[in-house]
Amino acid sequence: MQAWLTSVSDVAFPILVTMFLLVRIESKLTSLEAAIRNLAQSIDRKKIEI
């Protein structure tokens, strides 16, 4: 029983940390994606003006 609990805690902790970091990074990736899209549109507008 003790070995089972140790095994679960050894596996569960890294999984929880990974999930936490993925959720935090997701919002940053979404805003980065929007910024890249805006930059691409700005570049396209500049090309049209030239």
Protein backbone atom coordinates (compact mmCIF):
# COMPACT_ATOMS: atom_id res chain seq x y z
CA MET A 1 0.00 0.00 0.00
CA GLN A 2 2.82 2.41 0.89
CA ALA A 3 4.66 1.64 -2.37
CA TRP A 4 1.48 2.33 -4.32
CA LEU A 5 1.02 5.73 -2.67
CA THR A 6 4.65 6.61 -3.32
CA SER A 7 4.32 5.64 -6.97
CA VAL A 8 1.15 7.70 -7.38
CA SER A 9 2.71 10.75 -5.76
CA ASP A 10 5.85 10.40 -7.91
CA VAL A 11 3.75 10.41 -11.06
CA ALA A 12 0.96 12.78 -10.04
CA PHE A 13 3.17 15.70 -9.02
CA PRO A 14 4.93 16.11 -12.39
CA ILE A 15 1.61 15.73 -14.18
CA LEU A 16 0.00 18.44 -12.05
CA VAL A 17 2.93 20.80 -12.54
CA THR A 18 2.84 20.21 -16.29
CA MET A 19 -0.89 20.86 -16.48
CA PHE A 20 -0.53 24.05 -14.43
CA LEU A 21 2.23 25.36 -16.68
CA LEU A 22 0.34 24.47 -19.86
CA VAL A 23 -2.73 26.35 -18.69
CA ARG A 24 -0.64 29.42 -17.82
CA ILE A 25 1.28 29.34 -21.09
CA GLU A 26 -1.89 28.91 -23.17
CA SER A 27 -3.07 32.47 -22.52
CA LYS A 28 0.35 33.86 -23.35
CA LEU A 29 0.42 31.87 -26.60
CA THR A 30 -3.01 33.20 -27.52
CA SER A 31 -1.90 36.80 -27.07
CA LEU A 32 1.33 36.10 -28.96
CA GLU A 33 -0.68 34.62 -31.82
CA ALA A 34 -2.84 37.77 -31.97
CA ALA A 35 0.25 40.00 -31.98
CA ILE A 36 1.81 38.02 -34.84
CA ARG A 37 -1.44 38.25 -36.79
CA ASN A 38 -1.55 42.03 -36.27
CA LEU A 39 2.07 42.34 -37.34
CA ALA A 40 1.40 40.37 -40.52
CA GLN A 41 -1.56 42.61 -41.34
CA SER A 42 0.54 45.72 -40.75
CA ILE A 43 3.25 44.42 -43.06
CA ASP A 44 0.67 43.63 -45.74
CA ARG A 45 -0.74 47.17 -45.49
CA LYS A 46 2.74 48.66 -45.83
CA LYS A 47 3.37 46.55 -48.94
CA ILE A 48 0.18 47.83 -50.50
CA GLU A 49 1.16 51.46 -49.78
CA ILE A 50 4.59 51.06 -51.40
